[in-house]
Amino acid sequence: MAAIELLTPDEVGELLRLSANRVVVLARRGEIPFLTIDGHVRFDAKDIEDWLRYQRSDAPILPEKLVDVTTRAEATK
């Protein structure tokens, strides 16, 4: 089994140039992947790397993220 590198909110905040509190808010909203260990928010470094890759403006748009701009509602398949 490969070792998983876990990051704290402070460490992710440093990477994203955000406060640790803001990182936790994003996690709780489901906007950034996270896990909890004994009530503490932690981040898998690989998940954060993948998440950042898809935040780029030139990243491919996933079908489930398409939005109908006329209604601003998420498109259904």
C-alpha atoms as a PDB file:
ATOM      1  CA  MET A   1       0.000   0.000   0.000  1.00  0.00           C
ATOM      2  CA  ALA A   2       1.350   3.410  -0.973  1.00  0.00           C
ATOM      3  CA  ALA A   3       1.858   5.945   1.784  1.00  0.00           C
ATOM      4  CA  ILE A   4      -0.727   8.704   1.921  1.00  0.00           C
ATOM      5  CA  GLU A   5       0.570  12.176   2.644  1.00  0.00           C
ATOM      6  CA  LEU A   6      -1.934  14.013   4.806  1.00  0.00           C
ATOM      7  CA  LEU A   7      -1.946  17.793   4.990  1.00  0.00           C
ATOM      8  CA  THR A   8      -3.385  20.072   7.657  1.00  0.00           C
ATOM      9  CA  PRO A   9      -5.624  23.061   6.867  1.00  0.00           C
ATOM     10  CA  ASP A  10      -2.604  25.306   7.533  1.00  0.00           C
ATOM     11  CA  GLU A  11      -0.514  23.446   4.956  1.00  0.00           C
ATOM     12  CA  VAL A  12      -3.267  23.522   2.330  1.00  0.00           C
ATOM     13  CA  GLY A  13      -3.811  27.194   3.130  1.00  0.00           C
ATOM     14  CA  GLU A  14      -0.162  27.904   2.414  1.00  0.00           C
ATOM     15  CA  LEU A  15      -0.445  26.141  -0.963  1.00  0.00           C
ATOM     16  CA  LEU A  16      -3.605  28.023  -1.902  1.00  0.00           C
ATOM     17  CA  ARG A  17      -2.624  31.325  -0.268  1.00  0.00           C
ATOM     18  CA  LEU A  18      -5.737  31.159   1.941  1.00  0.00           C
ATOM     19  CA  SER A  19      -6.226  31.112   5.669  1.00  0.00           C
ATOM     20  CA  ALA A  20      -6.638  27.755   7.377  1.00  0.00           C
ATOM     21  CA  ASN A  21     -10.153  28.831   8.409  1.00  0.00           C
ATOM     22  CA  ARG A  22     -11.109  29.522   4.776  1.00  0.00           C
ATOM     23  CA  VAL A  23      -9.756  26.109   3.753  1.00  0.00           C
ATOM     24  CA  VAL A  24     -11.929  24.422   6.392  1.00  0.00           C
ATOM     25  CA  VAL A  25     -14.980  26.387   5.210  1.00  0.00           C
ATOM     26  CA  LEU A  26     -14.351  25.239   1.621  1.00  0.00           C
ATOM     27  CA  ALA A  27     -14.001  21.660   2.832  1.00  0.00           C
ATOM     28  CA  ARG A  28     -17.208  21.745   4.885  1.00  0.00           C
ATOM     29  CA  ARG A  29     -19.069  23.162   1.859  1.00  0.00           C
ATOM     30  CA  GLY A  30     -17.802  20.250  -0.222  1.00  0.00           C
ATOM     31  CA  GLU A  31     -15.788  22.517  -2.504  1.00  0.00           C
ATOM     32  CA  ILE A  32     -12.452  20.865  -1.762  1.00  0.00           C
ATOM     33  CA  PRO A  33     -11.820  17.165  -0.988  1.00  0.00           C
ATOM     34  CA  PHE A  34     -11.085  16.343   2.650  1.00  0.00           C
ATOM     35  CA  LEU A  35     -11.380  13.684   5.313  1.00  0.00           C
ATOM     36  CA  THR A  36     -11.720  13.765   9.051  1.00  0.00           C
ATOM     37  CA  ILE A  37      -9.627  11.838  11.514  1.00  0.00           C
ATOM     38  CA  ASP A  38     -10.873  11.874  15.069  1.00  0.00           C
ATOM     39  CA  GLY A  39     -12.738  15.106  14.302  1.00  0.00           C
ATOM     40  CA  HIS A  40      -9.760  16.831  12.681  1.00  0.00           C
ATOM     41  CA  VAL A  41      -9.930  17.988   9.056  1.00  0.00           C
ATOM     42  CA  ARG A  42      -7.132  16.589   6.911  1.00  0.00           C
ATOM     43  CA  PHE A  43      -6.384  16.583   3.189  1.00  0.00           C
ATOM     44  CA  ASP A  44      -4.829  13.898   1.015  1.00  0.00           C
ATOM     45  CA  ALA A  45      -2.007  15.637  -0.885  1.00  0.00           C
ATOM     46  CA  LYS A  46      -2.816  13.655  -4.058  1.00  0.00           C
ATOM     47  CA  ASP A  47      -6.494  14.675  -3.853  1.00  0.00           C
ATOM     48  CA  ILE A  48      -5.494  18.329  -3.498  1.00  0.00           C
ATOM     49  CA  GLU A  49      -3.120  18.042  -6.455  1.00  0.00           C
ATOM     50  CA  ASP A  50      -5.893  16.511  -8.599  1.00  0.00           C
ATOM     51  CA  TRP A  51      -8.428  19.089  -7.379  1.00  0.00           C
ATOM     52  CA  LEU A  52      -6.074  21.944  -8.286  1.00  0.00           C
ATOM     53  CA  ARG A  53      -5.563  20.487 -11.755  1.00  0.00           C
ATOM     54  CA  TYR A  54      -9.329  20.682 -12.376  1.00  0.00           C
ATOM     55  CA  GLN A  55      -9.564  24.240 -11.046  1.00  0.00           C
ATOM     56  CA  ARG A  56      -7.511  25.525 -13.965  1.00  0.00           C
ATOM     57  CA  SER A  57      -9.442  27.585 -16.498  1.00  0.00           C
ATOM     58  CA  ASP A  58      -8.064  25.440 -19.331  1.00  0.00           C
ATOM     59  CA  ALA A  59      -9.024  22.135 -17.672  1.00  0.00           C
ATOM     60  CA  PRO A  60     -11.584  19.996 -19.494  1.00  0.00           C
ATOM     61  CA  ILE A  61     -15.153  20.569 -18.336  1.00  0.00           C
ATOM     62  CA  LEU A  62     -16.702  17.471 -16.868  1.00  0.00           C
ATOM     63  CA  PRO A  63     -20.266  16.793 -18.160  1.00  0.00           C
ATOM     64  CA  GLU A  64     -21.747  16.817 -14.651  1.00  0.00           C
ATOM     65  CA  LYS A  65     -20.372  20.353 -14.148  1.00  0.00           C
ATOM     66  CA  LEU A  66     -21.999  21.858 -17.245  1.00  0.00           C
ATOM     67  CA  VAL A  67     -24.467  24.641 -16.542  1.00  0.00           C
ATOM     68  CA  ASP A  68     -27.318  25.856 -18.739  1.00  0.00           C
ATOM     69  CA  VAL A  69     -26.434  29.556 -18.962  1.00  0.00           C
ATOM     70  CA  THR A  70     -29.981  30.580 -19.872  1.00  0.00           C
ATOM     71  CA  THR A  71     -31.388  29.299 -16.583  1.00  0.00           C
ATOM     72  CA  ARG A  72     -28.142  29.020 -14.583  1.00  0.00           C
ATOM     73  CA  ALA A  73     -29.319  25.535 -13.590  1.00  0.00           C
ATOM     74  CA  GLU A  74     -27.111  22.497 -13.794  1.00  0.00           C
ATOM     75  CA  ALA A  75     -27.712  20.576 -16.984  1.00  0.00           C
ATOM     76  CA  THR A  76     -29.166  17.103 -16.674  1.00  0.00           C
ATOM     77  CA  LYS A  77     -28.025  14.134 -18.666  1.00  0.00           C
END
